[in-house]
Amino acid sequence: MRPMNEKNPFADVPQIDPKSAREMWERGEVDVVDVREQQEWDLGHIEGVRLVPMGQLPWRWREFDPGRKLICVCRSGNRSNYAAALLREVGIDAANMSGGMLEWKADGSPITAPGIVEQR
């Protein structure tokens, strides 16, 4: 059990739905980073966003502009929530795209070919 005075790093992560994330990104208000693995990315991703796999964040977080808001995305929103919490711990204004690429695609937002988000 967590001590009463220990902060929960996930509690403060803003959750942004895919539609709002897309609108903010298209207006240039935020940067978007995909934290999935390369093989997931290759099956379909948001054109124009950056890939930084979750496992590389511990040494690549300095590549992000600390003056820009960042939205993290993964397949379902779990890894990206964790990634956003990690980035917030080092002072980056990061949020999670709730529902991840599954919701992005379900909302009809475009992804690159072949457009596979969920492997079966």
N, C-alpha and C. Protein backbone atom coordinates (compact mmCIF):
# COMPACT_ATOMS: atom_id res chain seq x y z
N MET A 1 0.84 -1.18 0.00
CA MET A 1 0.00 0.00 0.00
C MET A 1 0.88 1.25 0.00
N ARG A 2 0.46 2.27 -0.71
CA ARG A 2 1.20 3.52 -0.85
C ARG A 2 1.05 4.36 0.42
N PRO A 3 2.16 4.91 0.95
CA PRO A 3 2.05 5.80 2.10
C PRO A 3 1.16 7.00 1.78
N MET A 4 0.48 7.51 2.76
CA MET A 4 -0.48 8.61 2.57
C MET A 4 0.14 9.85 1.94
N ASN A 5 1.41 10.13 2.20
CA ASN A 5 2.01 11.36 1.67
C ASN A 5 2.70 11.16 0.32
N GLU A 6 2.70 9.95 -0.20
CA GLU A 6 3.35 9.70 -1.48
C GLU A 6 2.38 10.04 -2.61
N LYS A 7 2.86 10.82 -3.57
CA LYS A 7 2.04 11.28 -4.69
C LYS A 7 1.82 10.15 -5.71
N ASN A 8 0.60 10.04 -6.21
CA ASN A 8 0.28 9.10 -7.27
C ASN A 8 0.55 9.80 -8.61
N PRO A 9 1.59 9.40 -9.35
CA PRO A 9 1.94 10.11 -10.58
C PRO A 9 0.87 10.01 -11.67
N PHE A 10 -0.04 9.05 -11.59
CA PHE A 10 -1.07 8.91 -12.61
C PHE A 10 -2.27 9.81 -12.35
N ALA A 11 -2.42 10.27 -11.13
CA ALA A 11 -3.59 11.06 -10.75
C ALA A 11 -3.68 12.39 -11.48
N ASP A 12 -2.54 12.95 -11.84
CA ASP A 12 -2.52 14.28 -12.46
C ASP A 12 -2.40 14.26 -13.98
N VAL A 13 -2.42 13.09 -14.59
CA VAL A 13 -2.27 13.02 -16.05
C VAL A 13 -3.59 13.42 -16.72
N PRO A 14 -3.59 14.52 -17.48
CA PRO A 14 -4.81 14.90 -18.20
C PRO A 14 -5.17 13.84 -19.23
N GLN A 15 -6.46 13.58 -19.36
CA GLN A 15 -6.98 12.60 -20.33
C GLN A 15 -7.69 13.38 -21.43
N ILE A 16 -7.25 13.20 -22.66
CA ILE A 16 -7.82 13.92 -23.80
C ILE A 16 -8.38 12.92 -24.79
N ASP A 17 -9.65 13.10 -25.15
CA ASP A 17 -10.26 12.16 -26.09
C ASP A 17 -9.66 12.36 -27.49
N PRO A 18 -9.73 11.33 -28.34
CA PRO A 18 -9.10 11.41 -29.66
C PRO A 18 -9.59 12.58 -30.52
N LYS A 19 -10.87 12.88 -30.49
CA LYS A 19 -11.39 13.99 -31.30
C LYS A 19 -10.75 15.31 -30.87
N SER A 20 -10.70 15.56 -29.58
CA SER A 20 -10.09 16.80 -29.07
C SER A 20 -8.59 16.82 -29.36
N ALA A 21 -7.94 15.66 -29.20
CA ALA A 21 -6.51 15.57 -29.47
C ALA A 21 -6.22 15.91 -30.94
N ARG A 22 -7.04 15.37 -31.83
CA ARG A 22 -6.85 15.64 -33.26
C ARG A 22 -7.04 17.12 -33.56
N GLU A 23 -8.07 17.73 -33.00
CA GLU A 23 -8.32 19.15 -33.24
C GLU A 23 -7.17 20.01 -32.71
N MET A 24 -6.68 19.70 -31.51
CA MET A 24 -5.58 20.46 -30.92
C MET A 24 -4.31 20.31 -31.75
N TRP A 25 -4.05 19.08 -32.21
CA TRP A 25 -2.85 18.80 -33.01
C TRP A 25 -2.94 19.50 -34.36
N GLU A 26 -4.10 19.43 -35.01
CA GLU A 26 -4.26 20.07 -36.32
C GLU A 26 -4.15 21.59 -36.24
N ARG A 27 -4.52 22.16 -35.09
CA ARG A 27 -4.37 23.62 -34.90
C ARG A 27 -2.95 23.99 -34.48
N GLY A 28 -2.09 23.01 -34.29
CA GLY A 28 -0.71 23.27 -33.91
C GLY A 28 -0.52 23.60 -32.44
N GLU A 29 -1.50 23.28 -31.62
CA GLU A 29 -1.43 23.60 -30.19
C GLU A 29 -0.61 22.59 -29.40
N VAL A 30 -0.47 21.39 -29.93
CA VAL A 30 0.23 20.32 -29.22
C VAL A 30 1.09 19.52 -30.19
N ASP A 31 2.04 18.80 -29.63
CA ASP A 31 2.78 17.78 -30.36
C ASP A 31 2.21 16.44 -29.92
N VAL A 32 2.29 15.45 -30.79
CA VAL A 32 1.81 14.11 -30.46
C VAL A 32 2.97 13.13 -30.63
N VAL A 33 3.11 12.24 -29.65
CA VAL A 33 4.14 11.20 -29.72
C VAL A 33 3.46 9.85 -29.53
N ASP A 34 3.82 8.93 -30.41
CA ASP A 34 3.31 7.56 -30.36
C ASP A 34 4.35 6.74 -29.60
N VAL A 35 3.95 6.08 -28.53
CA VAL A 35 4.89 5.33 -27.69
C VAL A 35 4.81 3.82 -27.92
N ARG A 36 4.15 3.40 -29.01
CA ARG A 36 4.09 1.97 -29.32
C ARG A 36 5.44 1.51 -29.87
N GLU A 37 5.55 0.22 -30.09
CA GLU A 37 6.77 -0.35 -30.68
C GLU A 37 6.75 -0.18 -32.20
N GLN A 38 7.93 -0.26 -32.80
CA GLN A 38 8.08 -0.05 -34.24
C GLN A 38 7.14 -0.95 -35.06
N GLN A 39 7.01 -2.22 -34.68
CA GLN A 39 6.17 -3.13 -35.45
C GLN A 39 4.70 -2.73 -35.40
N GLU A 40 4.25 -2.14 -34.30
CA GLU A 40 2.87 -1.64 -34.21
C GLU A 40 2.71 -0.41 -35.08
N TRP A 41 3.66 0.47 -35.00
CA TRP A 41 3.69 1.71 -35.79
C TRP A 41 3.61 1.40 -37.28
N ASP A 42 4.37 0.40 -37.71
CA ASP A 42 4.42 0.03 -39.13
C ASP A 42 3.07 -0.44 -39.67
N LEU A 43 2.19 -0.92 -38.81
CA LEU A 43 0.88 -1.40 -39.23
C LEU A 43 -0.15 -0.28 -39.39
N GLY A 44 0.16 0.89 -38.87
CA GLY A 44 -0.74 2.02 -38.98
C GLY A 44 -0.52 3.01 -37.87
N HIS A 45 -0.32 4.27 -38.24
CA HIS A 45 -0.10 5.32 -37.25
C HIS A 45 -0.69 6.63 -37.76
N ILE A 46 -0.63 7.63 -36.93
CA ILE A 46 -1.11 8.96 -37.31
C ILE A 46 -0.01 9.62 -38.14
N GLU A 47 -0.33 9.95 -39.36
CA GLU A 47 0.65 10.56 -40.27
C GLU A 47 1.16 11.86 -39.67
N GLY A 48 2.49 11.99 -39.59
CA GLY A 48 3.09 13.23 -39.13
C GLY A 48 3.44 13.29 -37.66
N VAL A 49 3.06 12.27 -36.88
CA VAL A 49 3.46 12.28 -35.47
C VAL A 49 4.77 11.53 -35.30
N ARG A 50 5.35 11.69 -34.17
CA ARG A 50 6.67 11.13 -33.88
C ARG A 50 6.56 9.80 -33.13
N LEU A 51 7.44 8.87 -33.45
CA LEU A 51 7.51 7.59 -32.75
C LEU A 51 8.68 7.62 -31.76
N VAL A 52 8.38 7.42 -30.50
CA VAL A 52 9.39 7.20 -29.47
C VAL A 52 8.85 6.05 -28.60
N PRO A 53 9.28 4.82 -28.88
CA PRO A 53 8.76 3.69 -28.12
C PRO A 53 8.94 3.87 -26.62
N MET A 54 7.98 3.39 -25.89
CA MET A 54 7.94 3.54 -24.43
C MET A 54 9.28 3.20 -23.78
N GLY A 55 9.90 2.12 -24.19
CA GLY A 55 11.16 1.70 -23.59
C GLY A 55 12.31 2.65 -23.82
N GLN A 56 12.17 3.58 -24.77
CA GLN A 56 13.24 4.54 -25.05
C GLN A 56 13.05 5.88 -24.33
N LEU A 57 11.91 6.07 -23.70
CA LEU A 57 11.64 7.34 -23.01
C LEU A 57 12.67 7.69 -21.94
N PRO A 58 13.18 6.71 -21.16
CA PRO A 58 14.13 7.09 -20.12
C PRO A 58 15.36 7.85 -20.61
N TRP A 59 15.77 7.65 -21.86
CA TRP A 59 16.91 8.42 -22.36
C TRP A 59 16.55 9.39 -23.48
N ARG A 60 15.34 9.31 -24.02
CA ARG A 60 14.97 10.20 -25.13
C ARG A 60 14.06 11.35 -24.73
N TRP A 61 13.62 11.41 -23.47
CA TRP A 61 12.68 12.45 -23.05
C TRP A 61 13.24 13.85 -23.27
N ARG A 62 14.54 14.00 -23.28
CA ARG A 62 15.15 15.33 -23.49
C ARG A 62 14.96 15.85 -24.92
N GLU A 63 14.54 14.98 -25.82
CA GLU A 63 14.29 15.40 -27.21
C GLU A 63 13.02 16.24 -27.35
N PHE A 64 12.15 16.20 -26.34
CA PHE A 64 10.89 16.94 -26.41
C PHE A 64 11.08 18.38 -25.98
N ASP A 65 10.37 19.28 -26.62
CA ASP A 65 10.41 20.70 -26.29
C ASP A 65 9.63 20.92 -24.99
N PRO A 66 10.30 21.33 -23.91
CA PRO A 66 9.59 21.51 -22.64
C PRO A 66 8.58 22.65 -22.66
N GLY A 67 8.64 23.48 -23.70
CA GLY A 67 7.70 24.58 -23.83
C GLY A 67 6.44 24.23 -24.60
N ARG A 68 6.35 22.99 -25.08
CA ARG A 68 5.19 22.54 -25.86
C ARG A 68 4.41 21.49 -25.10
N LYS A 69 3.09 21.56 -25.20
CA LYS A 69 2.25 20.52 -24.63
C LYS A 69 2.38 19.29 -25.52
N LEU A 70 2.40 18.13 -24.89
CA LEU A 70 2.61 16.87 -25.60
C LEU A 70 1.47 15.92 -25.28
N ILE A 71 0.94 15.25 -26.29
CA ILE A 71 -0.07 14.21 -26.09
C ILE A 71 0.56 12.88 -26.48
N CYS A 72 0.51 11.93 -25.56
CA CYS A 72 1.05 10.59 -25.80
C CYS A 72 -0.07 9.67 -26.27
N VAL A 73 0.26 8.77 -27.21
CA VAL A 73 -0.72 7.84 -27.73
C VAL A 73 -0.09 6.45 -27.85
N CYS A 74 -0.90 5.43 -27.61
CA CYS A 74 -0.49 4.04 -27.82
C CYS A 74 -1.70 3.30 -28.42
N ARG A 75 -1.76 2.01 -28.30
CA ARG A 75 -2.87 1.25 -28.88
C ARG A 75 -4.18 1.54 -28.16
N SER A 76 -4.17 1.45 -26.82
CA SER A 76 -5.43 1.58 -26.08
C SER A 76 -5.46 2.71 -25.05
N GLY A 77 -4.33 3.33 -24.80
CA GLY A 77 -4.28 4.41 -23.82
C GLY A 77 -3.61 4.04 -22.51
N ASN A 78 -3.22 2.80 -22.34
CA ASN A 78 -2.57 2.38 -21.09
C ASN A 78 -1.09 2.77 -21.06
N ARG A 79 -0.32 2.33 -22.05
CA ARG A 79 1.10 2.69 -22.09
C ARG A 79 1.29 4.19 -22.18
N SER A 80 0.46 4.84 -22.98
CA SER A 80 0.61 6.29 -23.14
C SER A 80 0.27 7.04 -21.86
N ASN A 81 -0.62 6.50 -21.04
CA ASN A 81 -0.90 7.12 -19.75
C ASN A 81 0.34 7.06 -18.86
N TYR A 82 0.98 5.91 -18.88
CA TYR A 82 2.22 5.72 -18.12
C TYR A 82 3.31 6.64 -18.66
N ALA A 83 3.42 6.72 -19.99
CA ALA A 83 4.44 7.59 -20.61
C ALA A 83 4.20 9.05 -20.23
N ALA A 84 2.96 9.49 -20.27
CA ALA A 84 2.64 10.87 -19.91
C ALA A 84 3.00 11.14 -18.45
N ALA A 85 2.74 10.17 -17.56
CA ALA A 85 3.10 10.33 -16.15
C ALA A 85 4.61 10.47 -15.99
N LEU A 86 5.36 9.64 -16.71
CA LEU A 86 6.82 9.73 -16.65
C LEU A 86 7.31 11.10 -17.12
N LEU A 87 6.77 11.56 -18.24
CA LEU A 87 7.19 12.84 -18.80
C LEU A 87 6.82 14.00 -17.88
N ARG A 88 5.67 13.92 -17.24
CA ARG A 88 5.26 14.96 -16.30
C ARG A 88 6.21 15.03 -15.10
N GLU A 89 6.74 13.87 -14.71
CA GLU A 89 7.68 13.82 -13.59
C GLU A 89 8.97 14.59 -13.89
N VAL A 90 9.33 14.73 -15.17
CA VAL A 90 10.54 15.46 -15.54
C VAL A 90 10.22 16.87 -16.05
N GLY A 91 8.98 17.29 -15.86
CA GLY A 91 8.62 18.67 -16.16
C GLY A 91 8.02 18.94 -17.53
N ILE A 92 7.67 17.91 -18.26
CA ILE A 92 7.05 18.10 -19.57
C ILE A 92 5.54 18.07 -19.41
N ASP A 93 4.86 19.03 -20.01
CA ASP A 93 3.40 19.12 -19.93
C ASP A 93 2.79 18.08 -20.86
N ALA A 94 2.63 16.87 -20.35
CA ALA A 94 2.17 15.74 -21.16
C ALA A 94 0.78 15.29 -20.74
N ALA A 95 0.01 14.84 -21.72
CA ALA A 95 -1.33 14.31 -21.50
C ALA A 95 -1.43 12.95 -22.19
N ASN A 96 -2.48 12.23 -21.88
CA ASN A 96 -2.74 10.93 -22.48
C ASN A 96 -3.94 11.03 -23.42
N MET A 97 -3.83 10.42 -24.60
CA MET A 97 -4.99 10.32 -25.48
C MET A 97 -5.77 9.08 -25.06
N SER A 98 -6.87 9.32 -24.39
CA SER A 98 -7.68 8.21 -23.87
C SER A 98 -8.21 7.35 -25.01
N GLY A 99 -8.16 6.06 -24.81
CA GLY A 99 -8.65 5.14 -25.84
C GLY A 99 -7.64 4.81 -26.91
N GLY A 100 -6.56 5.58 -26.99
CA GLY A 100 -5.47 5.32 -27.92
C GLY A 100 -5.87 5.23 -29.38
N MET A 101 -5.08 4.50 -30.13
CA MET A 101 -5.30 4.34 -31.57
C MET A 101 -6.60 3.58 -31.86
N LEU A 102 -7.03 2.74 -30.94
CA LEU A 102 -8.30 2.04 -31.14
C LEU A 102 -9.44 3.03 -31.26
N GLU A 103 -9.49 4.01 -30.35
CA GLU A 103 -10.54 5.03 -30.40
C GLU A 103 -10.33 6.00 -31.55
N TRP A 104 -9.07 6.34 -31.82
CA TRP A 104 -8.75 7.24 -32.94
C TRP A 104 -9.35 6.67 -34.23
N LYS A 105 -9.09 5.39 -34.48
CA LYS A 105 -9.60 4.74 -35.68
C LYS A 105 -11.12 4.62 -35.63
N ALA A 106 -11.67 4.25 -34.48
CA ALA A 106 -13.12 4.10 -34.33
C ALA A 106 -13.85 5.42 -34.59
N ASP A 107 -13.20 6.53 -34.28
CA ASP A 107 -13.79 7.86 -34.53
C ASP A 107 -13.70 8.26 -36.00
N GLY A 108 -13.03 7.45 -36.81
CA GLY A 108 -12.91 7.75 -38.22
C GLY A 108 -11.74 8.63 -38.58
N SER A 109 -10.84 8.85 -37.64
CA SER A 109 -9.65 9.65 -37.93
C SER A 109 -8.68 8.81 -38.75
N PRO A 110 -7.93 9.46 -39.64
CA PRO A 110 -7.08 8.72 -40.57
C PRO A 110 -5.84 8.13 -39.92
N ILE A 111 -5.46 6.95 -40.41
CA ILE A 111 -4.19 6.34 -40.04
C ILE A 111 -3.54 5.83 -41.32
N THR A 112 -2.23 5.65 -41.27
CA THR A 112 -1.50 5.23 -42.45
C THR A 112 -1.82 3.77 -42.80
N ALA A 113 -1.58 3.43 -44.05
CA ALA A 113 -1.79 2.05 -44.52
C ALA A 113 -0.77 1.14 -43.84
N PRO A 114 -1.13 -0.09 -43.60
CA PRO A 114 -2.36 -0.76 -43.97
C PRO A 114 -3.54 -0.50 -43.02
N GLY A 115 -3.35 0.33 -42.03
CA GLY A 115 -4.46 0.73 -41.17
C GLY A 115 -4.86 -0.28 -40.12
N ILE A 116 -3.91 -1.10 -39.72
CA ILE A 116 -4.20 -2.12 -38.70
C ILE A 116 -3.77 -1.59 -37.33
N VAL A 117 -4.70 -1.54 -36.41
CA VAL A 117 -4.38 -1.10 -35.05
C VAL A 117 -4.37 -2.30 -34.12
N GLU A 118 -5.33 -3.16 -34.28
CA GLU A 118 -5.47 -4.33 -33.42
C GLU A 118 -5.07 -5.57 -34.22
N GLN A 119 -4.01 -6.24 -33.79
CA GLN A 119 -3.62 -7.48 -34.45
C GLN A 119 -4.52 -8.60 -33.93
N ARG A 120 -4.94 -9.45 -34.81
CA ARG A 120 -5.81 -10.57 -34.39
C ARG A 120 -5.06 -11.87 -34.53
